[in-house]
Every structure is written in structure tokens, then in C-alpha cells.
Amino acid sequence: MHELPITESILKIVLTHAEKNDVRQVMTIHLQVGKLSDLEDEWIQRYFDYLSKGTIAQGAELKIERTPIMLQCNACAASYPVEIANMSDSACPVCGQKDSKLISGREYYIKNMEVQ
């Protein structure tokens, strides 16, 4: 159910930008959501459909792209992708150290919109 406030934020941003640019209709919204996010695509779209009724974003399709999980080594600063299953055991491919920090994988943002 945490998708609801996030979807409200997405709609607010979309409508603000659409208004500033004299958009008549929002057709598609491209989102990038990190693989670590537990947001479910289906629920984001459902909430968006409900919240956008009566707005210029009504009927817009959300196209959601999952971004990879990226860690950065605290020892050598190398960045590298990991899978969820390997996060706790992952070692830097450059120096072999296991001390790293998350630099992407939890984020969500609007990449772009297709409008009329």
C-alpha cells in the first residue's frame, strides 16, 4: 500500500510539468525504479489510473524500467553491479574488499513523458 503516496507524488510532478508546458494530454510516463525497491508495477499503475481520473494524465500508461543495484567499494571507489541474492556476500571485482555502499537500486524517478 506504500505505492499510493509515491504514485500521488508522481502524478503531482507530472501535472506540474504538463501545466508549465501547455500539455493537452499525457500519453505515457517512463519511470525508472531500482531493483531493490519493493514497489509493484501493477499497483503503481492501478493507483495512477485511480488518482489521475479527470486530469490530463487520465489513461496514461506507465512504463517502468528497473535500474540495477550498484555498489561502490569503500576501499578503491570502484562501482559494480550486484544481484539481490549476492548483495551480502559481494566483493569488489577490482580489489576484492567486501566493504561497500549502495549507490543505486532503491531510487525511483520520472525519466520522461510522452505528451500531446
PDB file of N, CA and C in Angstrom:
ATOM      1  N   MET A   1       0.816  -1.197   0.000  1.00  0.00           N
ATOM      2  CA  MET A   1       0.000   0.000   0.000  1.00  0.00           C
ATOM      3  C   MET A   1       0.861   1.263   0.000  1.00  0.00           C
ATOM      4  N   HIS A   2       2.152   1.116   0.195  1.00  0.00           N
ATOM      5  CA  HIS A   2       3.024   2.281   0.164  1.00  0.00           C
ATOM      6  C   HIS A   2       3.175   2.850  -1.247  1.00  0.00           C
ATOM      7  N   GLU A   3       2.646   2.146  -2.243  1.00  0.00           N
ATOM      8  CA  GLU A   3       2.669   2.664  -3.604  1.00  0.00           C
ATOM      9  C   GLU A   3       1.783   3.910  -3.749  1.00  0.00           C
ATOM     10  N   LEU A   4       0.733   4.018  -2.924  1.00  0.00           N
ATOM     11  CA  LEU A   4      -0.209   5.128  -3.047  1.00  0.00           C
ATOM     12  C   LEU A   4       0.458   6.489  -2.865  1.00  0.00           C
ATOM     13  N   PRO A   5       1.171   6.774  -1.770  1.00  0.00           N
ATOM     14  CA  PRO A   5       1.774   8.102  -1.643  1.00  0.00           C
ATOM     15  C   PRO A   5       2.842   8.373  -2.702  1.00  0.00           C
ATOM     16  N   ILE A   6       3.540   7.345  -3.119  1.00  0.00           N
ATOM     17  CA  ILE A   6       4.551   7.529  -4.167  1.00  0.00           C
ATOM     18  C   ILE A   6       3.875   7.852  -5.487  1.00  0.00           C
ATOM     19  N   THR A   7       2.783   7.157  -5.777  1.00  0.00           N
ATOM     20  CA  THR A   7       2.043   7.419  -7.013  1.00  0.00           C
ATOM     21  C   THR A   7       1.436   8.820  -6.982  1.00  0.00           C
ATOM     22  N   GLU A   8       0.984   9.261  -5.832  1.00  0.00           N
ATOM     23  CA  GLU A   8       0.471  10.640  -5.701  1.00  0.00           C
ATOM     24  C   GLU A   8       1.574  11.645  -6.032  1.00  0.00           C
ATOM     25  N   SER A   9       2.766  11.386  -5.556  1.00  0.00           N
ATOM     26  CA  SER A   9       3.901  12.275  -5.849  1.00  0.00           C
ATOM     27  C   SER A   9       4.224  12.289  -7.335  1.00  0.00           C
ATOM     28  N   ILE A  10       4.214  11.117  -7.950  1.00  0.00           N
ATOM     29  CA  ILE A  10       4.484  11.031  -9.391  1.00  0.00           C
ATOM     30  C   ILE A  10       3.454  11.837 -10.167  1.00  0.00           C
ATOM     31  N   LEU A  11       2.176  11.655  -9.845  1.00  0.00           N
ATOM     32  CA  LEU A  11       1.118  12.386 -10.546  1.00  0.00           C
ATOM     33  C   LEU A  11       1.273  13.891 -10.354  1.00  0.00           C
ATOM     34  N   LYS A  12       1.581  14.315  -9.160  1.00  0.00           N
ATOM     35  CA  LYS A  12       1.756  15.746  -8.883  1.00  0.00           C
ATOM     36  C   LYS A  12       2.876  16.336  -9.741  1.00  0.00           C
ATOM     37  N   ILE A  13       3.986  15.641  -9.820  1.00  0.00           N
ATOM     38  CA  ILE A  13       5.118  16.100 -10.635  1.00  0.00           C
ATOM     39  C   ILE A  13       4.735  16.149 -12.105  1.00  0.00           C
ATOM     40  N   VAL A  14       4.072  15.102 -12.583  1.00  0.00           N
ATOM     41  CA  VAL A  14       3.649  15.043 -13.987  1.00  0.00           C
ATOM     42  C   VAL A  14       2.719  16.209 -14.312  1.00  0.00           C
ATOM     43  N   LEU A  15       1.728  16.435 -13.473  1.00  0.00           N
ATOM     44  CA  LEU A  15       0.767  17.513 -13.735  1.00  0.00           C
ATOM     45  C   LEU A  15       1.423  18.886 -13.667  1.00  0.00           C
ATOM     46  N   THR A  16       2.348  19.073 -12.756  1.00  0.00           N
ATOM     47  CA  THR A  16       3.067  20.353 -12.657  1.00  0.00           C
ATOM     48  C   THR A  16       3.848  20.637 -13.927  1.00  0.00           C
ATOM     49  N   HIS A  17       4.595  19.645 -14.408  1.00  0.00           N
ATOM     50  CA  HIS A  17       5.391  19.840 -15.626  1.00  0.00           C
ATOM     51  C   HIS A  17       4.491  19.980 -16.859  1.00  0.00           C
ATOM     52  N   ALA A  18       3.419  19.233 -16.892  1.00  0.00           N
ATOM     53  CA  ALA A  18       2.496  19.320 -18.026  1.00  0.00           C
ATOM     54  C   ALA A  18       1.866  20.707 -18.096  1.00  0.00           C
ATOM     55  N   GLU A  19       1.475  21.236 -16.965  1.00  0.00           N
ATOM     56  CA  GLU A  19       0.862  22.569 -16.931  1.00  0.00           C
ATOM     57  C   GLU A  19       1.843  23.643 -17.381  1.00  0.00           C
ATOM     58  N   LYS A  20       3.074  23.558 -16.933  1.00  0.00           N
ATOM     59  CA  LYS A  20       4.099  24.541 -17.296  1.00  0.00           C
ATOM     60  C   LYS A  20       4.406  24.520 -18.788  1.00  0.00           C
ATOM     61  N   ASN A  21       4.127  23.393 -19.439  1.00  0.00           N
ATOM     62  CA  ASN A  21       4.467  23.242 -20.851  1.00  0.00           C
ATOM     63  C   ASN A  21       3.248  23.163 -21.761  1.00  0.00           C
ATOM     64  N   ASP A  22       2.096  23.608 -21.274  1.00  0.00           N
ATOM     65  CA  ASP A  22       0.853  23.649 -22.057  1.00  0.00           C
ATOM     66  C   ASP A  22       0.519  22.318 -22.721  1.00  0.00           C
ATOM     67  N   VAL A  23       0.654  21.244 -21.978  1.00  0.00           N
ATOM     68  CA  VAL A  23       0.358  19.903 -22.482  1.00  0.00           C
ATOM     69  C   VAL A  23      -1.148  19.688 -22.463  1.00  0.00           C
ATOM     70  N   ARG A  24      -1.676  19.104 -23.546  1.00  0.00           N
ATOM     71  CA  ARG A  24      -3.113  18.794 -23.609  1.00  0.00           C
ATOM     72  C   ARG A  24      -3.414  17.426 -23.011  1.00  0.00           C
ATOM     73  N   GLN A  25      -2.521  16.456 -23.240  1.00  0.00           N
ATOM     74  CA  GLN A  25      -2.759  15.090 -22.773  1.00  0.00           C
ATOM     75  C   GLN A  25      -1.422  14.395 -22.520  1.00  0.00           C
ATOM     76  N   VAL A  26      -1.314  13.735 -21.389  1.00  0.00           N
ATOM     77  CA  VAL A  26      -0.143  12.916 -21.086  1.00  0.00           C
ATOM     78  C   VAL A  26      -0.473  11.502 -21.547  1.00  0.00           C
ATOM     79  N   MET A  27       0.358  10.967 -22.427  1.00  0.00           N
ATOM     80  CA  MET A  27       0.100   9.651 -23.006  1.00  0.00           C
ATOM     81  C   MET A  27       0.852   8.525 -22.279  1.00  0.00           C
ATOM     82  N   THR A  28       2.135   8.754 -22.034  1.00  0.00           N
ATOM     83  CA  THR A  28       2.987   7.735 -21.434  1.00  0.00           C
ATOM     84  C   THR A  28       3.958   8.402 -20.477  1.00  0.00           C
ATOM     85  N   ILE A  29       4.218   7.727 -19.367  1.00  0.00           N
ATOM     86  CA  ILE A  29       5.195   8.216 -18.393  1.00  0.00           C
ATOM     87  C   ILE A  29       6.219   7.106 -18.201  1.00  0.00           C
ATOM     88  N   HIS A  30       7.471   7.427 -18.459  1.00  0.00           N
ATOM     89  CA  HIS A  30       8.555   6.465 -18.306  1.00  0.00           C
ATOM     90  C   HIS A  30       9.176   6.667 -16.928  1.00  0.00           C
ATOM     91  N   LEU A  31       9.128   5.614 -16.121  1.00  0.00           N
ATOM     92  CA  LEU A  31       9.682   5.651 -14.773  1.00  0.00           C
ATOM     93  C   LEU A  31      10.892   4.745 -14.675  1.00  0.00           C
ATOM     94  N   GLN A  32      11.835   5.128 -13.845  1.00  0.00           N
ATOM     95  CA  GLN A  32      12.944   4.241 -13.511  1.00  0.00           C
ATOM     96  C   GLN A  32      12.830   3.945 -12.028  1.00  0.00           C
ATOM     97  N   VAL A  33      12.808   2.661 -11.713  1.00  0.00           N
ATOM     98  CA  VAL A  33      12.642   2.200 -10.341  1.00  0.00           C
ATOM     99  C   VAL A  33      13.746   1.186 -10.050  1.00  0.00           C
ATOM    100  N   GLY A  34      14.448   1.389  -8.960  1.00  0.00           N
ATOM    101  CA  GLY A  34      15.537   0.492  -8.588  1.00  0.00           C
ATOM    102  C   GLY A  34      15.058  -0.911  -8.268  1.00  0.00           C
ATOM    103  N   LYS A  35      15.892  -1.896  -8.584  1.00  0.00           N
ATOM    104  CA  LYS A  35      15.547  -3.305  -8.348  1.00  0.00           C
ATOM    105  C   LYS A  35      15.336  -3.626  -6.873  1.00  0.00           C
ATOM    106  N   LEU A  36      15.911  -2.851  -5.981  1.00  0.00           N
ATOM    107  CA  LEU A  36      15.722  -3.084  -4.551  1.00  0.00           C
ATOM    108  C   LEU A  36      14.401  -2.523  -4.037  1.00  0.00           C
ATOM    109  N   SER A  37      13.788  -1.677  -4.833  1.00  0.00           N
ATOM    110  CA  SER A  37      12.514  -1.108  -4.428  1.00  0.00           C
ATOM    111  C   SER A  37      11.468  -2.210  -4.389  1.00  0.00           C
ATOM    112  N   ASP A  38      10.628  -2.173  -3.375  1.00  0.00           N
ATOM    113  CA  ASP A  38       9.568  -3.175  -3.312  1.00  0.00           C
ATOM    114  C   ASP A  38       8.259  -2.648  -3.899  1.00  0.00           C
ATOM    115  N   LEU A  39       8.352  -1.578  -4.678  1.00  0.00           N
ATOM    116  CA  LEU A  39       7.171  -1.058  -5.368  1.00  0.00           C
ATOM    117  C   LEU A  39       6.767  -2.040  -6.459  1.00  0.00           C
ATOM    118  N   GLU A  40       5.485  -2.325  -6.529  1.00  0.00           N
ATOM    119  CA  GLU A  40       4.994  -3.266  -7.527  1.00  0.00           C
ATOM    120  C   GLU A  40       4.390  -2.499  -8.700  1.00  0.00           C
ATOM    121  N   ASP A  41       4.869  -2.837  -9.897  1.00  0.00           N
ATOM    122  CA  ASP A  41       4.449  -2.143 -11.110  1.00  0.00           C
ATOM    123  C   ASP A  41       2.930  -2.097 -11.254  1.00  0.00           C
ATOM    124  N   GLU A  42       2.292  -3.229 -11.043  1.00  0.00           N
ATOM    125  CA  GLU A  42       0.837  -3.317 -11.220  1.00  0.00           C
ATOM    126  C   GLU A  42       0.104  -2.346 -10.301  1.00  0.00           C
ATOM    127  N   TRP A  43       0.541  -2.247  -9.051  1.00  0.00           N
ATOM    128  CA  TRP A  43      -0.142  -1.367  -8.101  1.00  0.00           C
ATOM    129  C   TRP A  43       0.138   0.100  -8.389  1.00  0.00           C
ATOM    130  N   ILE A  44       1.326   0.405  -8.857  1.00  0.00           N
ATOM    131  CA  ILE A  44       1.607   1.796  -9.230  1.00  0.00           C
ATOM    132  C   ILE A  44       0.647   2.213 -10.343  1.00  0.00           C
ATOM    133  N   GLN A  45       0.474   1.364 -11.355  1.00  0.00           N
ATOM    134  CA  GLN A  45      -0.420   1.682 -12.467  1.00  0.00           C
ATOM    135  C   GLN A  45      -1.865   1.786 -11.979  1.00  0.00           C
ATOM    136  N   ARG A  46      -2.299   0.865 -11.142  1.00  0.00           N
ATOM    137  CA  ARG A  46      -3.681   0.909 -10.626  1.00  0.00           C
ATOM    138  C   ARG A  46      -3.959   2.203  -9.865  1.00  0.00           C
ATOM    139  N   TYR A  47      -3.046   2.545  -8.965  1.00  0.00           N
ATOM    140  CA  TYR A  47      -3.227   3.785  -8.206  1.00  0.00           C
ATOM    141  C   TYR A  47      -3.170   4.993  -9.119  1.00  0.00           C
ATOM    142  N   PHE A  48      -2.286   4.955 -10.098  1.00  0.00           N
ATOM    143  CA  PHE A  48      -2.184   6.072 -11.032  1.00  0.00           C
ATOM    144  C   PHE A  48      -3.495   6.230 -11.805  1.00  0.00           C
ATOM    145  N   ASP A  49      -4.046   5.130 -12.279  1.00  0.00           N
ATOM    146  CA  ASP A  49      -5.314   5.181 -13.011  1.00  0.00           C
ATOM    147  C   ASP A  49      -6.410   5.799 -12.151  1.00  0.00           C
ATOM    148  N   TYR A  50      -6.455   5.417 -10.895  1.00  0.00           N
ATOM    149  CA  TYR A  50      -7.477   5.931  -9.972  1.00  0.00           C
ATOM    150  C   TYR A  50      -7.263   7.420  -9.684  1.00  0.00           C
ATOM    151  N   LEU A  51      -6.035   7.792  -9.359  1.00  0.00           N
ATOM    152  CA  LEU A  51      -5.737   9.170  -8.963  1.00  0.00           C
ATOM    153  C   LEU A  51      -5.804  10.162 -10.120  1.00  0.00           C
ATOM    154  N   SER A  52      -5.537   9.695 -11.327  1.00  0.00           N
ATOM    155  CA  SER A  52      -5.458  10.616 -12.464  1.00  0.00           C
ATOM    156  C   SER A  52      -6.803  10.861 -13.156  1.00  0.00           C
ATOM    157  N   LYS A  53      -7.869  10.210 -12.689  1.00  0.00           N
ATOM    158  CA  LYS A  53      -9.182  10.425 -13.303  1.00  0.00           C
ATOM    159  C   LYS A  53      -9.542  11.904 -13.288  1.00  0.00           C
ATOM    160  N   GLY A  54      -9.987  12.386 -14.443  1.00  0.00           N
ATOM    161  CA  GLY A  54     -10.385  13.779 -14.557  1.00  0.00           C
ATOM    162  C   GLY A  54      -9.238  14.753 -14.781  1.00  0.00           C
ATOM    163  N   THR A  55      -8.007  14.236 -14.949  1.00  0.00           N
ATOM    164  CA  THR A  55      -6.850  15.098 -15.212  1.00  0.00           C
ATOM    165  C   THR A  55      -6.347  14.844 -16.632  1.00  0.00           C
ATOM    166  N   ILE A  56      -5.397  15.652 -17.058  1.00  0.00           N
ATOM    167  CA  ILE A  56      -4.828  15.441 -18.391  1.00  0.00           C
ATOM    168  C   ILE A  56      -3.931  14.204 -18.448  1.00  0.00           C
ATOM    169  N   ALA A  57      -3.718  13.576 -17.308  1.00  0.00           N
ATOM    170  CA  ALA A  57      -2.926  12.341 -17.268  1.00  0.00           C
ATOM    171  C   ALA A  57      -3.808  11.097 -17.248  1.00  0.00           C
ATOM    172  N   GLN A  58      -5.117  11.297 -17.270  1.00  0.00           N
ATOM    173  CA  GLN A  58      -6.020  10.145 -17.254  1.00  0.00           C
ATOM    174  C   GLN A  58      -5.742   9.253 -18.457  1.00  0.00           C
ATOM    175  N   GLY A  59      -5.619   7.962 -18.209  1.00  0.00           N
ATOM    176  CA  GLY A  59      -5.371   6.996 -19.281  1.00  0.00           C
ATOM    177  C   GLY A  59      -3.908   6.836 -19.658  1.00  0.00           C
ATOM    178  N   ALA A  60      -3.023   7.582 -19.015  1.00  0.00           N
ATOM    179  CA  ALA A  60      -1.596   7.465 -19.341  1.00  0.00           C
ATOM    180  C   ALA A  60      -1.062   6.106 -18.925  1.00  0.00           C
ATOM    181  N   GLU A  61      -0.200   5.568 -19.753  1.00  0.00           N
ATOM    182  CA  GLU A  61       0.443   4.291 -19.445  1.00  0.00           C
ATOM    183  C   GLU A  61       1.763   4.557 -18.742  1.00  0.00           C
ATOM    184  N   LEU A  62       2.021   3.813 -17.690  1.00  0.00           N
ATOM    185  CA  LEU A  62       3.305   3.897 -17.002  1.00  0.00           C
ATOM    186  C   LEU A  62       4.209   2.793 -17.545  1.00  0.00           C
ATOM    187  N   LYS A  63       5.357   3.177 -18.029  1.00  0.00           N
ATOM    188  CA  LYS A  63       6.346   2.208 -18.491  1.00  0.00           C
ATOM    189  C   LYS A  63       7.474   2.240 -17.474  1.00  0.00           C
ATOM    190  N   ILE A  64       7.636   1.121 -16.797  1.00  0.00           N
ATOM    191  CA  ILE A  64       8.563   1.067 -15.676  1.00  0.00           C
ATOM    192  C   ILE A  64       9.786   0.237 -16.039  1.00  0.00           C
ATOM    193  N   GLU A  65      10.927   0.872 -15.919  1.00  0.00           N
ATOM    194  CA  GLU A  65      12.214   0.211 -16.174  1.00  0.00           C
ATOM    195  C   GLU A  65      12.906   0.027 -14.830  1.00  0.00           C
ATOM    196  N   ARG A  66      13.368  -1.163 -14.559  1.00  0.00           N
ATOM    197  CA  ARG A  66      14.066  -1.444 -13.301  1.00  0.00           C
ATOM    198  C   ARG A  66      15.555  -1.159 -13.475  1.00  0.00           C
ATOM    199  N   THR A  67      16.102  -0.328 -12.602  1.00  0.00           N
ATOM    200  CA  THR A  67      17.519   0.006 -12.661  1.00  0.00           C
ATOM    201  C   THR A  67      18.313  -0.974 -11.799  1.00  0.00           C
ATOM    202  N   PRO A  68      19.553  -1.253 -12.189  1.00  0.00           N
ATOM    203  CA  PRO A  68      20.343  -2.254 -11.474  1.00  0.00           C
ATOM    204  C   PRO A  68      20.779  -1.776 -10.088  1.00  0.00           C
ATOM    205  N   ILE A  69      21.116  -2.739  -9.267  1.00  0.00           N
ATOM    206  CA  ILE A  69      21.684  -2.465  -7.948  1.00  0.00           C
ATOM    207  C   ILE A  69      23.177  -2.239  -8.161  1.00  0.00           C
ATOM    208  N   MET A  70      23.654  -1.090  -7.697  1.00  0.00           N
ATOM    209  CA  MET A  70      25.065  -0.755  -7.852  1.00  0.00           C
ATOM    210  C   MET A  70      25.670  -0.473  -6.482  1.00  0.00           C
ATOM    211  N   LEU A  71      26.843  -1.047  -6.257  1.00  0.00           N
ATOM    212  CA  LEU A  71      27.599  -0.792  -5.045  1.00  0.00           C
ATOM    213  C   LEU A  71      28.879  -0.055  -5.407  1.00  0.00           C
ATOM    214  N   GLN A  72      29.420   0.670  -4.435  1.00  0.00           N
ATOM    215  CA  GLN A  72      30.712   1.326  -4.619  1.00  0.00           C
ATOM    216  C   GLN A  72      31.629   0.880  -3.491  1.00  0.00           C
ATOM    217  N   CYS A  73      32.785   0.407  -3.857  1.00  0.00           N
ATOM    218  CA  CYS A  73      33.762  -0.087  -2.894  1.00  0.00           C
ATOM    219  C   CYS A  73      34.291   1.075  -2.051  1.00  0.00           C
ATOM    220  N   ASN A  74      34.299   0.896  -0.737  1.00  0.00           N
ATOM    221  CA  ASN A  74      34.826   1.925   0.164  1.00  0.00           C
ATOM    222  C   ASN A  74      36.352   1.962   0.163  1.00  0.00           C
ATOM    223  N   ALA A  75      36.984   0.903  -0.314  1.00  0.00           N
ATOM    224  CA  ALA A  75      38.450   0.850  -0.336  1.00  0.00           C
ATOM    225  C   ALA A  75      39.033   1.494  -1.593  1.00  0.00           C
ATOM    226  N   CYS A  76      38.491   1.136  -2.774  1.00  0.00           N
ATOM    227  CA  CYS A  76      39.101   1.636  -4.020  1.00  0.00           C
ATOM    228  C   CYS A  76      38.165   2.511  -4.847  1.00  0.00           C
ATOM    229  N   ALA A  77      36.916   2.676  -4.422  1.00  0.00           N
ATOM    230  CA  ALA A  77      35.911   3.526  -5.075  1.00  0.00           C
ATOM    231  C   ALA A  77      35.381   2.968  -6.394  1.00  0.00           C
ATOM    232  N   ALA A  78      35.692   1.716  -6.715  1.00  0.00           N
ATOM    233  CA  ALA A  78      35.142   1.105  -7.927  1.00  0.00           C
ATOM    234  C   ALA A  78      33.640   0.873  -7.738  1.00  0.00           C
ATOM    235  N   SER A  79      32.883   1.093  -8.804  1.00  0.00           N
ATOM    236  CA  SER A  79      31.444   0.824  -8.788  1.00  0.00           C
ATOM    237  C   SER A  79      31.177  -0.455  -9.557  1.00  0.00           C
ATOM    238  N   TYR A  80      30.219  -1.255  -9.044  1.00  0.00           N
ATOM    239  CA  TYR A  80      29.943  -2.524  -9.709  1.00  0.00           C
ATOM    240  C   TYR A  80      28.510  -2.963  -9.424  1.00  0.00           C
ATOM    241  N   PRO A  81      27.909  -3.664 -10.400  1.00  0.00           N
ATOM    242  CA  PRO A  81      26.537  -4.151 -10.219  1.00  0.00           C
ATOM    243  C   PRO A  81      26.521  -5.448  -9.420  1.00  0.00           C
ATOM    244  N   VAL A  82      25.426  -5.650  -8.694  1.00  0.00           N
ATOM    245  CA  VAL A  82      25.222  -6.911  -7.969  1.00  0.00           C
ATOM    246  C   VAL A  82      23.763  -7.320  -8.095  1.00  0.00           C
ATOM    247  N   GLU A  83      23.515  -8.588  -7.871  1.00  0.00           N
ATOM    248  CA  GLU A  83      22.148  -9.092  -7.830  1.00  0.00           C
ATOM    249  C   GLU A  83      21.704  -9.145  -6.369  1.00  0.00           C
ATOM    250  N   ILE A  84      20.405  -9.079  -6.155  1.00  0.00           N
ATOM    251  CA  ILE A  84      19.866  -9.068  -4.794  1.00  0.00           C
ATOM    252  C   ILE A  84      20.383 -10.259  -3.988  1.00  0.00           C
ATOM    253  N   ALA A  85      20.382 -11.433  -4.585  1.00  0.00           N
ATOM    254  CA  ALA A  85      20.785 -12.646  -3.880  1.00  0.00           C
ATOM    255  C   ALA A  85      22.250 -12.622  -3.435  1.00  0.00           C
ATOM    256  N   ASN A  86      23.085 -11.824  -4.109  1.00  0.00           N
ATOM    257  CA  ASN A  86      24.521 -11.796  -3.818  1.00  0.00           C
ATOM    258  C   ASN A  86      24.968 -10.567  -3.033  1.00  0.00           C
ATOM    259  N   MET A  87      24.043  -9.723  -2.635  1.00  0.00           N
ATOM    260  CA  MET A  87      24.431  -8.451  -2.011  1.00  0.00           C
ATOM    261  C   MET A  87      25.263  -8.626  -0.740  1.00  0.00           C
ATOM    262  N   SER A  88      24.875  -9.520   0.127  1.00  0.00           N
ATOM    263  CA  SER A  88      25.570  -9.645   1.415  1.00  0.00           C
ATOM    264  C   SER A  88      26.957 -10.264   1.281  1.00  0.00           C
ATOM    265  N   ASP A  89      27.191 -10.991   0.215  1.00  0.00           N
ATOM    266  CA  ASP A  89      28.479 -11.664   0.017  1.00  0.00           C
ATOM    267  C   ASP A  89      29.326 -11.053  -1.098  1.00  0.00           C
ATOM    268  N   SER A  90      28.884  -9.966  -1.672  1.00  0.00           N
ATOM    269  CA  SER A  90      29.596  -9.448  -2.839  1.00  0.00           C
ATOM    270  C   SER A  90      30.916  -8.790  -2.447  1.00  0.00           C
ATOM    271  N   ALA A  91      31.902  -9.058  -3.263  1.00  0.00           N
ATOM    272  CA  ALA A  91      33.227  -8.462  -3.079  1.00  0.00           C
ATOM    273  C   ALA A  91      33.520  -7.590  -4.295  1.00  0.00           C
ATOM    274  N   CYS A  92      34.290  -6.564  -4.086  1.00  0.00           N
ATOM    275  CA  CYS A  92      34.676  -5.664  -5.181  1.00  0.00           C
ATOM    276  C   CYS A  92      35.444  -6.463  -6.237  1.00  0.00           C
ATOM    277  N   PRO A  93      35.048  -6.365  -7.492  1.00  0.00           N
ATOM    278  CA  PRO A  93      35.755  -7.101  -8.546  1.00  0.00           C
ATOM    279  C   PRO A  93      37.149  -6.541  -8.832  1.00  0.00           C
ATOM    280  N   VAL A  94      37.435  -5.333  -8.348  1.00  0.00           N
ATOM    281  CA  VAL A  94      38.745  -4.723  -8.587  1.00  0.00           C
ATOM    282  C   VAL A  94      39.741  -5.090  -7.489  1.00  0.00           C
ATOM    283  N   CYS A  95      39.338  -4.906  -6.217  1.00  0.00           N
ATOM    284  CA  CYS A  95      40.300  -5.117  -5.123  1.00  0.00           C
ATOM    285  C   CYS A  95      39.938  -6.262  -4.180  1.00  0.00           C
ATOM    286  N   GLY A  96      38.736  -6.826  -4.330  1.00  0.00           N
ATOM    287  CA  GLY A  96      38.347  -7.967  -3.513  1.00  0.00           C
ATOM    288  C   GLY A  96      37.769  -7.637  -2.142  1.00  0.00           C
ATOM    289  N   GLN A  97      37.732  -6.383  -1.767  1.00  0.00           N
ATOM    290  CA  GLN A  97      37.196  -5.981  -0.470  1.00  0.00           C
ATOM    291  C   GLN A  97      35.673  -6.143  -0.456  1.00  0.00           C
ATOM    292  N   LYS A  98      35.124  -6.392   0.734  1.00  0.00           N
ATOM    293  CA  LYS A  98      33.677  -6.560   0.871  1.00  0.00           C
ATOM    294  C   LYS A  98      33.008  -5.349   1.507  1.00  0.00           C
ATOM    295  N   ASP A  99      33.761  -4.313   1.773  1.00  0.00           N
ATOM    296  CA  ASP A  99      33.222  -3.103   2.391  1.00  0.00           C
ATOM    297  C   ASP A  99      32.767  -2.146   1.288  1.00  0.00           C
ATOM    298  N   SER A 100      31.462  -2.040   1.135  1.00  0.00           N
ATOM    299  CA  SER A 100      30.934  -1.196   0.050  1.00  0.00           C
ATOM    300  C   SER A 100      29.669  -0.487   0.511  1.00  0.00           C
ATOM    301  N   LYS A 101      29.237   0.470  -0.303  1.00  0.00           N
ATOM    302  CA  LYS A 101      27.994   1.188  -0.016  1.00  0.00           C
ATOM    303  C   LYS A 101      27.097   1.157  -1.244  1.00  0.00           C
ATOM    304  N   LEU A 102      25.814   1.217  -0.989  1.00  0.00           N
ATOM    305  CA  LEU A 102      24.813   1.210  -2.047  1.00  0.00           C
ATOM    306  C   LEU A 102      24.783   2.578  -2.725  1.00  0.00           C
ATOM    307  N   ILE A 103      24.912   2.596  -4.053  1.00  0.00           N
ATOM    308  CA  ILE A 103      24.815   3.878  -4.761  1.00  0.00           C
ATOM    309  C   ILE A 103      23.601   3.946  -5.681  1.00  0.00           C
ATOM    310  N   SER A 104      23.006   2.816  -6.011  1.00  0.00           N
ATOM    311  CA  SER A 104      21.730   2.841  -6.726  1.00  0.00           C
ATOM    312  C   SER A 104      21.032   1.498  -6.560  1.00  0.00           C
ATOM    313  N   GLY A 105      19.713   1.551  -6.720  1.00  0.00           N
ATOM    314  CA  GLY A 105      18.914   0.346  -6.594  1.00  0.00           C
ATOM    315  C   GLY A 105      17.630   0.565  -5.818  1.00  0.00           C
ATOM    316  N   ARG A 106      17.559   1.659  -5.066  1.00  0.00           N
ATOM    317  CA  ARG A 106      16.351   1.971  -4.294  1.00  0.00           C
ATOM    318  C   ARG A 106      15.585   3.165  -4.863  1.00  0.00           C
ATOM    319  N   GLU A 107      16.163   3.846  -5.804  1.00  0.00           N
ATOM    320  CA  GLU A 107      15.586   5.091  -6.305  1.00  0.00           C
ATOM    321  C   GLU A 107      14.369   4.867  -7.184  1.00  0.00           C
ATOM    322  N   TYR A 108      13.607   5.913  -7.363  1.00  0.00           N
ATOM    323  CA  TYR A 108      12.547   5.943  -8.368  1.00  0.00           C
ATOM    324  C   TYR A 108      12.446   7.376  -8.861  1.00  0.00           C
ATOM    325  N   TYR A 109      12.315   7.527 -10.166  1.00  0.00           N
ATOM    326  CA  TYR A 109      12.142   8.861 -10.718  1.00  0.00           C
ATOM    327  C   TYR A 109      11.489   8.793 -12.088  1.00  0.00           C
ATOM    328  N   ILE A 110      10.990   9.944 -12.500  1.00  0.00           N
ATOM    329  CA  ILE A 110      10.367  10.069 -13.808  1.00  0.00           C
ATOM    330  C   ILE A 110      11.470  10.356 -14.815  1.00  0.00           C
ATOM    331  N   LYS A 111      11.615   9.469 -15.767  1.00  0.00           N
ATOM    332  CA  LYS A 111      12.652   9.625 -16.794  1.00  0.00           C
ATOM    333  C   LYS A 111      12.194  10.606 -17.865  1.00  0.00           C
ATOM    334  N   ASN A 112      10.983  10.398 -18.391  1.00  0.00           N
ATOM    335  CA  ASN A 112      10.409  11.311 -19.368  1.00  0.00           C
ATOM    336  C   ASN A 112       8.935  11.022 -19.564  1.00  0.00           C
ATOM    337  N   MET A 113       8.289  11.874 -20.350  1.00  0.00           N
ATOM    338  CA  MET A 113       6.854  11.718 -20.631  1.00  0.00           C
ATOM    339  C   MET A 113       6.617  11.895 -22.121  1.00  0.00           C
ATOM    340  N   GLU A 114       5.623  11.168 -22.619  1.00  0.00           N
ATOM    341  CA  GLU A 114       5.160  11.366 -23.984  1.00  0.00           C
ATOM    342  C   GLU A 114       3.821  12.090 -23.865  1.00  0.00           C
ATOM    343  N   VAL A 115       3.719  13.213 -24.566  1.00  0.00           N
ATOM    344  CA  VAL A 115       2.528  14.072 -24.419  1.00  0.00           C
ATOM    345  C   VAL A 115       2.011  14.541 -25.779  1.00  0.00           C
ATOM    346  N   GLN A 116       0.821  15.112 -25.720  1.00  0.00           N
ATOM    347  CA  GLN A 116       0.243  15.756 -26.925  1.00  0.00           C
ATOM    348  C   GLN A 116      -0.006  17.201 -26.603  1.00  0.00           C
TER     349      GLN A 116
END
